[in-house]
Amino acid sequence: MDMSLAWVASRKTLHDEGFGAFQRVRILALAHFADSEASRERIRALFHSPLGIYVSQAQREGCELRLEFDTASEDLSFTLRTLKRVLPEARVEGIAPRVFAHRTCTRGAS
């Protein structure tokens, strides 16, 4: 997992789209394991780590684990470092600002 590339890409995207330091960020990650027992153990470890509070969605299908993290932009670095430590098999698939439907409606009205 290339954390430095993910960090640079996320910061550029956040600033280019006009999102400030206090916005929420979605991180999508995927991990593939040799067997389903290993994936069960890893997800248990994930939820018992400090990173567990940031998991907004987790889906396990056989040996594959898809994760979505919801974090504040200022916690992005911590989240990526902890993900690398707790789940080294994980690959970050995307980092994007979290958009709430009720906020987009009010933003377009002004």
Protein backbone atom coordinates (compact mmCIF):
# COMPACT_ATOMS: atom_id res chain seq x y z
CA MET A 1 0.00 0.00 0.00
CA ASP A 2 1.57 3.27 -1.12
CA MET A 3 0.60 5.61 1.71
CA SER A 4 2.62 8.61 0.55
CA LEU A 5 0.98 8.60 -2.88
CA ALA A 6 -2.48 8.29 -1.34
CA TRP A 7 -1.73 11.15 1.06
CA VAL A 8 -0.52 13.49 -1.69
CA ALA A 9 -3.45 12.64 -3.97
CA SER A 10 -6.00 13.18 -1.21
CA ARG A 11 -4.59 16.54 -0.16
CA LYS A 12 -4.53 17.82 -3.75
CA THR A 13 -8.10 16.65 -4.38
CA LEU A 14 -9.38 18.17 -1.15
CA HIS A 15 -7.82 21.57 -1.84
CA ASP A 16 -8.72 21.60 -5.56
CA GLU A 17 -12.38 21.03 -4.74
CA GLY A 18 -12.42 23.77 -2.10
CA PHE A 19 -12.81 21.58 0.97
CA GLY A 20 -11.32 22.94 4.18
CA ALA A 21 -9.40 21.21 6.92
CA PHE A 22 -12.51 20.23 8.88
CA GLN A 23 -14.32 18.29 6.17
CA ARG A 24 -15.04 14.57 6.32
CA VAL A 25 -13.12 12.20 4.07
CA ARG A 26 -14.04 8.73 2.73
CA ILE A 27 -11.30 6.14 2.33
CA LEU A 28 -12.07 2.99 0.34
CA ALA A 29 -9.78 0.01 0.86
CA LEU A 30 -9.63 -3.60 -0.29
CA ALA A 31 -7.72 -6.52 1.24
CA HIS A 32 -7.36 -10.02 -0.15
CA PHE A 33 -6.38 -12.99 2.06
CA ALA A 34 -5.29 -16.56 1.42
CA ASP A 35 -8.31 -18.02 3.23
CA SER A 36 -11.55 -16.90 4.87
CA GLU A 37 -10.29 -17.69 8.40
CA ALA A 38 -7.46 -15.17 7.94
CA SER A 39 -9.95 -12.52 6.81
CA ARG A 40 -12.12 -13.16 9.88
CA GLU A 41 -9.12 -12.76 12.19
CA ARG A 42 -8.00 -9.56 10.47
CA ILE A 43 -11.43 -7.94 10.68
CA ARG A 44 -11.56 -8.80 14.38
CA ALA A 45 -8.17 -7.16 14.89
CA LEU A 46 -9.29 -4.14 12.88
CA PHE A 47 -12.38 -3.53 15.01
CA HIS A 48 -10.36 -3.92 18.23
CA SER A 49 -7.76 -1.38 17.09
CA PRO A 50 -8.00 2.44 17.31
CA LEU A 51 -8.92 2.36 13.61
CA GLY A 52 -12.17 0.52 14.33
CA ILE A 53 -14.02 3.73 15.19
CA TYR A 54 -13.43 5.08 11.67
CA VAL A 55 -14.93 2.07 9.85
CA SER A 56 -18.28 3.10 8.40
CA GLN A 57 -18.79 -0.03 6.31
CA ALA A 58 -17.13 -3.45 6.12
CA GLN A 59 -18.06 -6.24 3.74
CA ARG A 60 -16.42 -9.65 3.75
CA GLU A 61 -16.93 -11.98 0.80
CA GLY A 62 -14.89 -15.14 1.20
CA CYS A 63 -11.24 -14.12 1.22
CA GLU A 64 -11.87 -10.50 0.26
CA LEU A 65 -12.53 -7.63 2.64
CA ARG A 66 -13.90 -4.26 1.43
CA LEU A 67 -13.72 -1.37 3.86
CA GLU A 68 -14.97 2.19 3.95
CA PHE A 69 -13.58 4.62 6.49
CA ASP A 70 -15.16 7.94 7.42
CA THR A 71 -12.68 10.32 9.02
CA ALA A 72 -11.99 14.00 9.46
CA SER A 73 -9.45 15.32 6.97
CA GLU A 74 -7.03 16.20 9.78
CA ASP A 75 -7.10 12.51 10.90
CA LEU A 76 -6.31 11.19 7.41
CA SER A 77 -2.60 10.69 8.05
CA PHE A 78 -3.27 8.79 11.31
CA THR A 79 -5.90 6.64 9.62
CA LEU A 80 -3.60 5.64 6.74
CA ARG A 81 -0.64 4.92 9.04
CA THR A 82 -2.80 2.82 11.36
CA LEU A 83 -4.38 0.96 8.43
CA LYS A 84 -0.92 0.03 7.18
CA ARG A 85 0.05 -1.24 10.64
CA VAL A 86 -3.19 -3.11 11.45
CA LEU A 87 -4.04 -4.41 7.97
CA PRO A 88 -0.87 -4.45 5.82
CA GLU A 89 -2.68 -6.45 3.10
CA ALA A 90 -5.06 -3.55 2.46
CA ARG A 91 -4.80 -1.49 -0.70
CA VAL A 92 -6.29 2.01 -0.71
CA GLU A 93 -8.60 2.27 -3.71
CA GLY A 94 -9.77 5.83 -3.25
CA ILE A 95 -9.79 8.89 -1.04
CA ALA A 96 -12.46 11.51 -1.59
CA PRO A 97 -14.31 14.23 0.31
CA ARG A 98 -17.42 12.91 2.03
CA VAL A 99 -20.46 14.60 0.51
CA PHE A 100 -23.69 14.78 2.45
CA ALA A 101 -26.87 15.18 0.38
CA HIS A 102 -28.41 17.79 2.68
CA ARG A 103 -25.29 19.97 2.38
CA THR A 104 -25.15 19.87 -1.43
CA CYS A 105 -28.69 21.21 -1.64
CA THR A 106 -27.89 24.20 0.58
CA ARG A 107 -24.57 24.83 -1.17
CA GLY A 108 -26.24 25.15 -4.59
CA ALA A 109 -28.96 27.47 -3.25
CA SER A 110 -26.62 30.40 -2.47
